[in-house]
Amino acid sequence: MRNGARATRIDVPLCVTVLLLCLGGLAVVWSASSMLAIDRFGTANAYFSRQLMFFGAGLVACLGLANVPYTRWQDPVVAWGLSLSALGGLLAVFAFPARNGAHRWLKLPGLSAQPSDLAKLALIILVANLLADSQRPGRVAPGRFDWGMTRVIAVCGVSLALILVEPDLGTAVVLAGTLFLTLFLGGLAWRAILPVAGTGLLGLIAMIAFSPFRRARMLAFLHPELTSDGAGYQIAQAKLAPGRSEERRVGKAGRCRGAPEH
């Protein structure tokens, strides 16, 4: 594709797969939340309607971004602008009250958003931008460190640290793993990846082992039936969602109104 050219071909299998996943998610949201929505709002579609609205907004955004030339994302101004915006959002969440024990949300008039969602996209674009730049003649190879890579690592490291402090260990682990995979596929040497990845893995084990609520969440993940009214509530509901047994869902909803986000 030429610079500035617009995409004229659509990956139909990819689009159909994403659409089916979204529709399946909508069905699960309606099934899992309908009885709780009746209890709280008097209508079974309260949560489903909100999710459907966001699905529509996401579909419009997807169609819009599909017409953005991919070379636009290679612009350092775009990559750094998105990353620094995400970093600012991750700092701003601490100015808002905690929600379910975690500082993850920016509360705006009529809308709330998680800056960590923007960080997932922005940091991947930033790392990919660095790797693409390193392939140009006269640039430092991706297996070595220079000032540009140092800045990228600093922004990624601070962003991941803020996500951990929120706390949101799951998002931090997924994002860190994705960034390491991007660096590896981009040509970063194993000797540069393994020490950092090993240190991160040890840190992850320590954060779970020395944190009571994380140990409880891990136990709930392995044995959700033991804590279906507490930490395992969401997993238990996910298993019930495809079913039609309203009596069981009412029982769960009646005993537990939510689970901690951290």
C-alpha atoms as a PDB file:
ATOM      1  CA  MET A   1       0.000   0.000   0.000  1.00  0.00           C
ATOM      2  CA  ARG A   2       1.350   3.451  -0.924  1.00  0.00           C
ATOM      3  CA  ASN A   3       1.915   6.128   1.720  1.00  0.00           C
ATOM      4  CA  GLY A   4      -1.322   7.935   2.361  1.00  0.00           C
ATOM      5  CA  ALA A   5      -3.332   5.346   0.453  1.00  0.00           C
ATOM      6  CA  ARG A   6      -6.553   4.192   2.006  1.00  0.00           C
ATOM      7  CA  ALA A   7      -7.379   0.579   2.686  1.00  0.00           C
ATOM      8  CA  THR A   8      -9.579  -0.804  -0.076  1.00  0.00           C
ATOM      9  CA  ARG A   9      -9.713  -4.451   0.962  1.00  0.00           C
ATOM     10  CA  ILE A  10     -11.334  -5.878   4.070  1.00  0.00           C
ATOM     11  CA  ASP A  11     -10.203  -9.003   5.885  1.00  0.00           C
ATOM     12  CA  VAL A  12     -13.619 -10.684   5.864  1.00  0.00           C
ATOM     13  CA  PRO A  13     -12.738 -13.718   8.063  1.00  0.00           C
ATOM     14  CA  LEU A  14     -11.226 -11.424  10.710  1.00  0.00           C
ATOM     15  CA  CYS A  15     -14.222  -9.071  10.653  1.00  0.00           C
ATOM     16  CA  VAL A  16     -16.713 -11.954  10.878  1.00  0.00           C
ATOM     17  CA  THR A  17     -14.772 -13.488  13.783  1.00  0.00           C
ATOM     18  CA  VAL A  18     -14.719 -10.210  15.714  1.00  0.00           C
ATOM     19  CA  LEU A  19     -18.404  -9.611  14.993  1.00  0.00           C
ATOM     20  CA  LEU A  20     -19.347 -13.081  16.233  1.00  0.00           C
ATOM     21  CA  LEU A  21     -17.314 -12.584  19.409  1.00  0.00           C
ATOM     22  CA  CYS A  22     -19.056  -9.256  20.043  1.00  0.00           C
ATOM     23  CA  LEU A  23     -22.505 -10.721  19.447  1.00  0.00           C
ATOM     24  CA  GLY A  24     -21.687 -13.646  21.708  1.00  0.00           C
ATOM     25  CA  GLY A  25     -20.553 -11.204  24.374  1.00  0.00           C
ATOM     26  CA  LEU A  26     -23.821  -9.286  24.085  1.00  0.00           C
ATOM     27  CA  ALA A  27     -25.769 -12.523  24.535  1.00  0.00           C
ATOM     28  CA  VAL A  28     -23.749 -13.412  27.634  1.00  0.00           C
ATOM     29  CA  VAL A  29     -24.233  -9.917  29.097  1.00  0.00           C
ATOM     30  CA  TRP A  30     -28.007 -10.158  28.643  1.00  0.00           C
ATOM     31  CA  SER A  31     -28.204 -13.691  30.068  1.00  0.00           C
ATOM     32  CA  ALA A  32     -25.985 -12.956  33.078  1.00  0.00           C
ATOM     33  CA  SER A  33     -27.421  -9.556  33.957  1.00  0.00           C
ATOM     34  CA  SER A  34     -31.119  -9.694  33.106  1.00  0.00           C
ATOM     35  CA  MET A  35     -32.379 -10.776  36.529  1.00  0.00           C
ATOM     36  CA  LEU A  36     -30.076  -8.378  38.369  1.00  0.00           C
ATOM     37  CA  ALA A  37     -31.233  -5.583  36.034  1.00  0.00           C
ATOM     38  CA  ILE A  38     -34.876  -6.368  36.868  1.00  0.00           C
ATOM     39  CA  ASP A  39     -34.038  -6.260  40.575  1.00  0.00           C
ATOM     40  CA  ARG A  40     -32.257  -2.896  40.316  1.00  0.00           C
ATOM     41  CA  PHE A  41     -33.975  -1.069  37.459  1.00  0.00           C
ATOM     42  CA  GLY A  42     -37.225  -2.911  36.816  1.00  0.00           C
ATOM     43  CA  THR A  43     -36.245  -3.955  33.277  1.00  0.00           C
ATOM     44  CA  ALA A  44     -34.235  -6.911  32.035  1.00  0.00           C
ATOM     45  CA  ASN A  45     -32.455  -4.904  29.328  1.00  0.00           C
ATOM     46  CA  ALA A  46     -30.813  -2.162  31.411  1.00  0.00           C
ATOM     47  CA  TYR A  47     -27.256  -3.504  31.256  1.00  0.00           C
ATOM     48  CA  PHE A  48     -27.757  -5.054  27.825  1.00  0.00           C
ATOM     49  CA  SER A  49     -28.909  -1.746  26.319  1.00  0.00           C
ATOM     50  CA  ARG A  50     -25.855   0.044  27.682  1.00  0.00           C
ATOM     51  CA  GLN A  51     -23.553  -2.646  26.306  1.00  0.00           C
ATOM     52  CA  LEU A  52     -25.339  -2.512  22.950  1.00  0.00           C
ATOM     53  CA  MET A  53     -24.758   1.245  22.824  1.00  0.00           C
ATOM     54  CA  PHE A  54     -21.027   0.779  23.380  1.00  0.00           C
ATOM     55  CA  PHE A  55     -20.980  -1.970  20.754  1.00  0.00           C
ATOM     56  CA  GLY A  56     -22.483   0.449  18.238  1.00  0.00           C
ATOM     57  CA  ALA A  57     -19.989   3.159  19.151  1.00  0.00           C
ATOM     58  CA  GLY A  58     -17.128   0.689  18.795  1.00  0.00           C
ATOM     59  CA  LEU A  59     -18.408  -0.428  15.392  1.00  0.00           C
ATOM     60  CA  VAL A  60     -18.526   3.169  14.158  1.00  0.00           C
ATOM     61  CA  ALA A  61     -14.995   3.781  15.491  1.00  0.00           C
ATOM     62  CA  CYS A  62     -13.794   0.593  13.795  1.00  0.00           C
ATOM     63  CA  LEU A  63     -15.185   1.674  10.431  1.00  0.00           C
ATOM     64  CA  GLY A  64     -13.606   5.092  10.851  1.00  0.00           C
ATOM     65  CA  LEU A  65     -10.175   3.767  11.791  1.00  0.00           C
ATOM     66  CA  ALA A  66     -10.278   1.309   8.880  1.00  0.00           C
ATOM     67  CA  ASN A  67     -10.012   4.315   6.575  1.00  0.00           C
ATOM     68  CA  VAL A  68      -6.901   5.684   8.308  1.00  0.00           C
ATOM     69  CA  PRO A  69      -3.730   4.832   6.319  1.00  0.00           C
ATOM     70  CA  TYR A  70      -1.587   2.435   8.325  1.00  0.00           C
ATOM     71  CA  THR A  71       1.434   4.657   7.678  1.00  0.00           C
ATOM     72  CA  ARG A  72      -0.222   7.296   9.859  1.00  0.00           C
ATOM     73  CA  TRP A  73       0.510   5.164  12.929  1.00  0.00           C
ATOM     74  CA  GLN A  74       4.220   5.285  12.053  1.00  0.00           C
ATOM     75  CA  ASP A  75       4.280   9.018  12.734  1.00  0.00           C
ATOM     76  CA  PRO A  76       6.252   9.560  15.986  1.00  0.00           C
ATOM     77  CA  VAL A  77       3.934  12.447  16.891  1.00  0.00           C
ATOM     78  CA  VAL A  78       0.947  10.077  16.839  1.00  0.00           C
ATOM     79  CA  ALA A  79       2.754   7.295  18.724  1.00  0.00           C
ATOM     80  CA  TRP A  80       4.115   9.580  21.445  1.00  0.00           C
ATOM     81  CA  GLY A  81       0.905  11.602  21.620  1.00  0.00           C
ATOM     82  CA  LEU A  82      -1.191   8.496  22.309  1.00  0.00           C
ATOM     83  CA  SER A  83       1.329   7.117  24.807  1.00  0.00           C
ATOM     84  CA  LEU A  84       1.697  10.341  26.781  1.00  0.00           C
ATOM     85  CA  SER A  85      -2.094  10.802  26.776  1.00  0.00           C
ATOM     86  CA  ALA A  86      -2.480   7.313  28.206  1.00  0.00           C
ATOM     87  CA  LEU A  87       0.197   8.057  30.803  1.00  0.00           C
ATOM     88  CA  GLY A  88      -1.598  11.249  31.794  1.00  0.00           C
ATOM     89  CA  GLY A  89      -4.848   9.329  32.142  1.00  0.00           C
ATOM     90  CA  LEU A  90      -3.183   6.697  34.327  1.00  0.00           C
ATOM     91  CA  LEU A  91      -2.008   9.482  36.622  1.00  0.00           C
ATOM     92  CA  ALA A  92      -5.384  11.243  36.598  1.00  0.00           C
ATOM     93  CA  VAL A  93      -7.332   8.213  37.876  1.00  0.00           C
ATOM     94  CA  PHE A  94      -5.822   8.710  41.323  1.00  0.00           C
ATOM     95  CA  ALA A  95      -7.616  12.052  41.563  1.00  0.00           C
ATOM     96  CA  PHE A  96     -10.964  10.206  41.531  1.00  0.00           C
ATOM     97  CA  PRO A  97     -12.464   8.147  44.368  1.00  0.00           C
ATOM     98  CA  ALA A  98     -11.709   4.426  44.397  1.00  0.00           C
ATOM     99  CA  ARG A  99     -14.359   2.205  42.847  1.00  0.00           C
ATOM    100  CA  ASN A 100     -14.663  -1.318  44.233  1.00  0.00           C
ATOM    101  CA  GLY A 101     -11.277  -0.914  45.863  1.00  0.00           C
ATOM    102  CA  ALA A 102      -9.389   0.216  42.746  1.00  0.00           C
ATOM    103  CA  HIS A 103      -8.468   3.499  41.008  1.00  0.00           C
ATOM    104  CA  ARG A 104      -9.121   2.560  37.383  1.00  0.00           C
ATOM    105  CA  TRP A 105     -11.773   4.912  36.111  1.00  0.00           C
ATOM    106  CA  LEU A 106     -11.925   8.484  34.867  1.00  0.00           C
ATOM    107  CA  LYS A 107     -15.369   9.795  35.748  1.00  0.00           C
ATOM    108  CA  LEU A 108     -16.506  12.255  33.087  1.00  0.00           C
ATOM    109  CA  PRO A 109     -19.972  13.806  32.613  1.00  0.00           C
ATOM    110  CA  GLY A 110     -22.145  10.976  31.307  1.00  0.00           C
ATOM    111  CA  LEU A 111     -19.160   8.726  30.670  1.00  0.00           C
ATOM    112  CA  SER A 112     -16.465   6.763  32.466  1.00  0.00           C
ATOM    113  CA  ALA A 113     -13.313   5.344  30.908  1.00  0.00           C
ATOM    114  CA  GLN A 114     -10.280   3.284  31.847  1.00  0.00           C
ATOM    115  CA  PRO A 115      -7.001   4.867  30.630  1.00  0.00           C
ATOM    116  CA  SER A 116      -5.389   1.418  30.790  1.00  0.00           C
ATOM    117  CA  ASP A 117      -7.482   0.491  27.726  1.00  0.00           C
ATOM    118  CA  LEU A 118      -5.871   3.340  25.778  1.00  0.00           C
ATOM    119  CA  ALA A 119      -2.462   2.312  27.133  1.00  0.00           C
ATOM    120  CA  LYS A 120      -2.868  -1.172  25.644  1.00  0.00           C
ATOM    121  CA  LEU A 121      -3.103   0.313  22.158  1.00  0.00           C
ATOM    122  CA  ALA A 122      -0.778   3.280  22.604  1.00  0.00           C
ATOM    123  CA  LEU A 123       2.204   1.428  24.052  1.00  0.00           C
ATOM    124  CA  ILE A 124       2.073  -1.287  21.392  1.00  0.00           C
ATOM    125  CA  ILE A 125       2.062   1.404  18.687  1.00  0.00           C
ATOM    126  CA  LEU A 126       4.972   3.157  20.423  1.00  0.00           C
ATOM    127  CA  VAL A 127       7.080  -0.016  20.639  1.00  0.00           C
ATOM    128  CA  ALA A 128       6.248  -0.953  17.040  1.00  0.00           C
ATOM    129  CA  ASN A 129       7.217   2.572  15.993  1.00  0.00           C
ATOM    130  CA  LEU A 130      10.586   2.160  17.711  1.00  0.00           C
ATOM    131  CA  LEU A 131      11.199  -1.189  16.037  1.00  0.00           C
ATOM    132  CA  ALA A 132      10.232   0.137  12.604  1.00  0.00           C
ATOM    133  CA  ASP A 133      12.526   3.140  13.094  1.00  0.00           C
ATOM    134  CA  SER A 134      15.415   0.848  14.047  1.00  0.00           C
ATOM    135  CA  GLN A 135      15.215  -0.822  10.639  1.00  0.00           C
ATOM    136  CA  ARG A 136      16.051   2.370   8.818  1.00  0.00           C
ATOM    137  CA  PRO A 137      19.614   2.863   7.553  1.00  0.00           C
ATOM    138  CA  GLY A 138      21.962   4.276  10.162  1.00  0.00           C
ATOM    139  CA  ARG A 139      19.692   3.470  13.102  1.00  0.00           C
ATOM    140  CA  VAL A 140      20.623   1.401  16.139  1.00  0.00           C
ATOM    141  CA  ALA A 141      19.613  -2.257  15.793  1.00  0.00           C
ATOM    142  CA  PRO A 142      16.736  -3.371  18.052  1.00  0.00           C
ATOM    143  CA  GLY A 143      19.077  -5.625  20.018  1.00  0.00           C
ATOM    144  CA  ARG A 144      20.960  -2.610  21.378  1.00  0.00           C
ATOM    145  CA  PHE A 145      19.896   0.313  23.547  1.00  0.00           C
ATOM    146  CA  ASP A 146      19.967   3.942  22.530  1.00  0.00           C
ATOM    147  CA  TRP A 147      18.262   7.093  23.775  1.00  0.00           C
ATOM    148  CA  GLY A 148      15.077   6.364  21.796  1.00  0.00           C
ATOM    149  CA  MET A 149      14.709   2.880  23.263  1.00  0.00           C
ATOM    150  CA  THR A 150      15.474   4.201  26.743  1.00  0.00           C
ATOM    151  CA  ARG A 151      12.622   6.703  26.471  1.00  0.00           C
ATOM    152  CA  VAL A 152      10.224   4.037  25.227  1.00  0.00           C
ATOM    153  CA  ILE A 153      11.159   1.654  28.040  1.00  0.00           C
ATOM    154  CA  ALA A 154      10.762   4.468  30.579  1.00  0.00           C
ATOM    155  CA  VAL A 155       7.238   5.338  29.376  1.00  0.00           C
ATOM    156  CA  CYS A 156       6.216   1.661  29.232  1.00  0.00           C
ATOM    157  CA  GLY A 157       7.718   0.969  32.665  1.00  0.00           C
ATOM    158  CA  VAL A 158       6.026   3.924  34.347  1.00  0.00           C
ATOM    159  CA  SER A 159       2.693   3.066  32.707  1.00  0.00           C
ATOM    160  CA  LEU A 160       2.892  -0.544  33.859  1.00  0.00           C
ATOM    161  CA  ALA A 161       3.842   0.574  37.371  1.00  0.00           C
ATOM    162  CA  LEU A 162       0.821   2.898  37.548  1.00  0.00           C
ATOM    163  CA  ILE A 163      -1.472   0.094  36.363  1.00  0.00           C
ATOM    164  CA  LEU A 164      -0.083  -2.130  39.119  1.00  0.00           C
ATOM    165  CA  VAL A 165      -0.649   0.586  41.721  1.00  0.00           C
ATOM    166  CA  GLU A 166      -4.325   1.040  40.698  1.00  0.00           C
ATOM    167  CA  PRO A 167      -4.234  -2.046  41.320  1.00  0.00           C
ATOM    168  CA  ASP A 168      -4.860  -4.013  38.116  1.00  0.00           C
ATOM    169  CA  LEU A 169      -2.418  -6.906  37.983  1.00  0.00           C
ATOM    170  CA  GLY A 170      -4.230  -8.714  35.166  1.00  0.00           C
ATOM    171  CA  THR A 171      -4.019  -5.791  32.728  1.00  0.00           C
ATOM    172  CA  ALA A 172      -0.376  -5.160  33.639  1.00  0.00           C
ATOM    173  CA  VAL A 173       0.561  -8.806  32.993  1.00  0.00           C
ATOM    174  CA  VAL A 174      -1.269  -8.949  29.652  1.00  0.00           C
ATOM    175  CA  LEU A 175       0.217  -5.642  28.493  1.00  0.00           C
ATOM    176  CA  ALA A 176       3.752  -6.537  29.601  1.00  0.00           C
ATOM    177  CA  GLY A 177       3.539  -9.913  27.856  1.00  0.00           C
ATOM    178  CA  THR A 178       2.288  -8.278  24.656  1.00  0.00           C
ATOM    179  CA  LEU A 179       5.089  -5.707  24.715  1.00  0.00           C
ATOM    180  CA  PHE A 180       7.744  -8.387  25.245  1.00  0.00           C
ATOM    181  CA  LEU A 181       6.295 -10.420  22.376  1.00  0.00           C
ATOM    182  CA  THR A 182       6.322  -7.336  20.134  1.00  0.00           C
ATOM    183  CA  LEU A 183       9.962  -6.673  20.999  1.00  0.00           C
ATOM    184  CA  PHE A 184      10.903 -10.294  20.352  1.00  0.00           C
ATOM    185  CA  LEU A 185       9.131 -10.398  16.985  1.00  0.00           C
ATOM    186  CA  GLY A 186      10.795  -7.081  16.156  1.00  0.00           C
ATOM    187  CA  GLY A 187      14.252  -8.590  16.595  1.00  0.00           C
ATOM    188  CA  LEU A 188      15.237  -7.752  20.167  1.00  0.00           C
ATOM    189  CA  ALA A 189      17.846 -10.277  21.309  1.00  0.00           C
ATOM    190  CA  TRP A 190      16.933 -12.975  23.838  1.00  0.00           C
ATOM    191  CA  ARG A 191      19.764 -11.815  26.093  1.00  0.00           C
ATOM    192  CA  ALA A 192      17.995  -8.475  26.451  1.00  0.00           C
ATOM    193  CA  ILE A 193      14.538  -9.990  27.005  1.00  0.00           C
ATOM    194  CA  LEU A 194      15.164 -12.922  29.344  1.00  0.00           C
ATOM    195  CA  PRO A 195      16.635 -11.033  32.349  1.00  0.00           C
ATOM    196  CA  VAL A 196      13.767  -8.533  32.376  1.00  0.00           C
ATOM    197  CA  ALA A 197      11.137 -11.212  31.719  1.00  0.00           C
ATOM    198  CA  GLY A 198      12.574 -13.436  34.449  1.00  0.00           C
ATOM    199  CA  THR A 199      12.610 -10.581  36.937  1.00  0.00           C
ATOM    200  CA  GLY A 200       9.040  -9.728  36.020  1.00  0.00           C
ATOM    201  CA  LEU A 201       7.934 -13.331  36.482  1.00  0.00           C
ATOM    202  CA  LEU A 202       9.502 -13.496  39.940  1.00  0.00           C
ATOM    203  CA  GLY A 203       7.831 -10.199  40.801  1.00  0.00           C
ATOM    204  CA  LEU A 204       4.474 -11.549  39.629  1.00  0.00           C
ATOM    205  CA  ILE A 205       4.818 -14.650  41.809  1.00  0.00           C
ATOM    206  CA  ALA A 206       5.773 -12.484  44.796  1.00  0.00           C
ATOM    207  CA  MET A 207       2.830 -10.107  44.278  1.00  0.00           C
ATOM    208  CA  ILE A 208       0.438 -13.058  44.292  1.00  0.00           C
ATOM    209  CA  ALA A 209       2.112 -14.946  47.147  1.00  0.00           C
ATOM    210  CA  PHE A 210       2.310 -11.956  49.533  1.00  0.00           C
ATOM    211  CA  SER A 211      -1.095 -10.458  48.744  1.00  0.00           C
ATOM    212  CA  PRO A 212      -4.072 -12.099  50.512  1.00  0.00           C
ATOM    213  CA  PHE A 213      -6.702 -10.856  48.064  1.00  0.00           C
ATOM    214  CA  ARG A 214      -4.637 -11.964  45.029  1.00  0.00           C
ATOM    215  CA  ARG A 215      -4.143 -15.400  46.550  1.00  0.00           C
ATOM    216  CA  ALA A 216      -7.897 -15.537  47.086  1.00  0.00           C
ATOM    217  CA  ARG A 217      -8.537 -14.553  43.465  1.00  0.00           C
ATOM    218  CA  MET A 218      -6.122 -17.207  42.207  1.00  0.00           C
ATOM    219  CA  LEU A 219      -7.847 -19.816  44.380  1.00  0.00           C
ATOM    220  CA  ALA A 220     -11.206 -18.592  43.095  1.00  0.00           C
ATOM    221  CA  PHE A 221      -9.979 -18.993  39.528  1.00  0.00           C
ATOM    222  CA  LEU A 222      -8.848 -22.563  40.162  1.00  0.00           C
ATOM    223  CA  HIS A 223     -11.870 -23.511  42.312  1.00  0.00           C
ATOM    224  CA  PRO A 224     -14.674 -20.957  41.696  1.00  0.00           C
ATOM    225  CA  GLU A 225     -17.317 -23.229  43.196  1.00  0.00           C
ATOM    226  CA  LEU A 226     -15.737 -22.797  46.654  1.00  0.00           C
ATOM    227  CA  THR A 227     -16.205 -19.003  46.661  1.00  0.00           C
ATOM    228  CA  SER A 228     -19.184 -18.445  44.360  1.00  0.00           C
ATOM    229  CA  ASP A 229     -20.579 -15.799  46.750  1.00  0.00           C
ATOM    230  CA  GLY A 230     -17.288 -13.902  46.998  1.00  0.00           C
ATOM    231  CA  ALA A 231     -14.117 -13.768  44.932  1.00  0.00           C
ATOM    232  CA  GLY A 232     -15.363 -16.498  42.592  1.00  0.00           C
ATOM    233  CA  TYR A 233     -18.671 -14.755  41.899  1.00  0.00           C
ATOM    234  CA  GLN A 234     -17.815 -13.472  38.409  1.00  0.00           C
ATOM    235  CA  ILE A 235     -16.386 -16.805  37.244  1.00  0.00           C
ATOM    236  CA  ALA A 236     -19.389 -18.690  38.609  1.00  0.00           C
ATOM    237  CA  GLN A 237     -21.741 -16.265  36.845  1.00  0.00           C
ATOM    238  CA  ALA A 238     -19.802 -16.662  33.591  1.00  0.00           C
ATOM    239  CA  LYS A 239     -20.450 -20.397  33.761  1.00  0.00           C
ATOM    240  CA  LEU A 240     -24.140 -19.799  34.452  1.00  0.00           C
ATOM    241  CA  ALA A 241     -24.565 -17.120  31.780  1.00  0.00           C
ATOM    242  CA  PRO A 242     -25.253 -19.401  28.776  1.00  0.00           C
ATOM    243  CA  GLY A 243     -27.869 -21.309  30.769  1.00  0.00           C
ATOM    244  CA  ARG A 244     -31.527 -20.535  31.201  1.00  0.00           C
ATOM    245  CA  SER A 245     -31.896 -21.333  34.892  1.00  0.00           C
ATOM    246  CA  GLU A 246     -33.203 -18.005  36.182  1.00  0.00           C
ATOM    247  CA  GLU A 247     -33.720 -19.386  39.669  1.00  0.00           C
ATOM    248  CA  ARG A 248     -30.007 -20.102  40.089  1.00  0.00           C
ATOM    249  CA  ARG A 249     -29.037 -16.667  38.773  1.00  0.00           C
ATOM    250  CA  VAL A 250     -31.488 -14.934  41.103  1.00  0.00           C
ATOM    251  CA  GLY A 251     -29.961 -16.808  44.013  1.00  0.00           C
ATOM    252  CA  LYS A 252     -26.450 -15.689  43.111  1.00  0.00           C
ATOM    253  CA  ALA A 253     -27.481 -12.101  42.440  1.00  0.00           C
ATOM    254  CA  GLY A 254     -29.436 -11.923  45.664  1.00  0.00           C
ATOM    255  CA  ARG A 255     -26.467 -12.960  47.794  1.00  0.00           C
ATOM    256  CA  CYS A 256     -23.679 -11.014  46.101  1.00  0.00           C
ATOM    257  CA  ARG A 257     -24.011  -7.594  44.541  1.00  0.00           C
ATOM    258  CA  GLY A 258     -20.510  -7.399  43.093  1.00  0.00           C
ATOM    259  CA  ALA A 259     -16.891  -8.396  43.430  1.00  0.00           C
ATOM    260  CA  PRO A 260     -13.733  -6.316  43.968  1.00  0.00           C
ATOM    261  CA  GLU A 261     -12.159  -5.097  40.737  1.00  0.00           C
ATOM    262  CA  HIS A 262      -8.604  -5.569  41.960  1.00  0.00           C
END
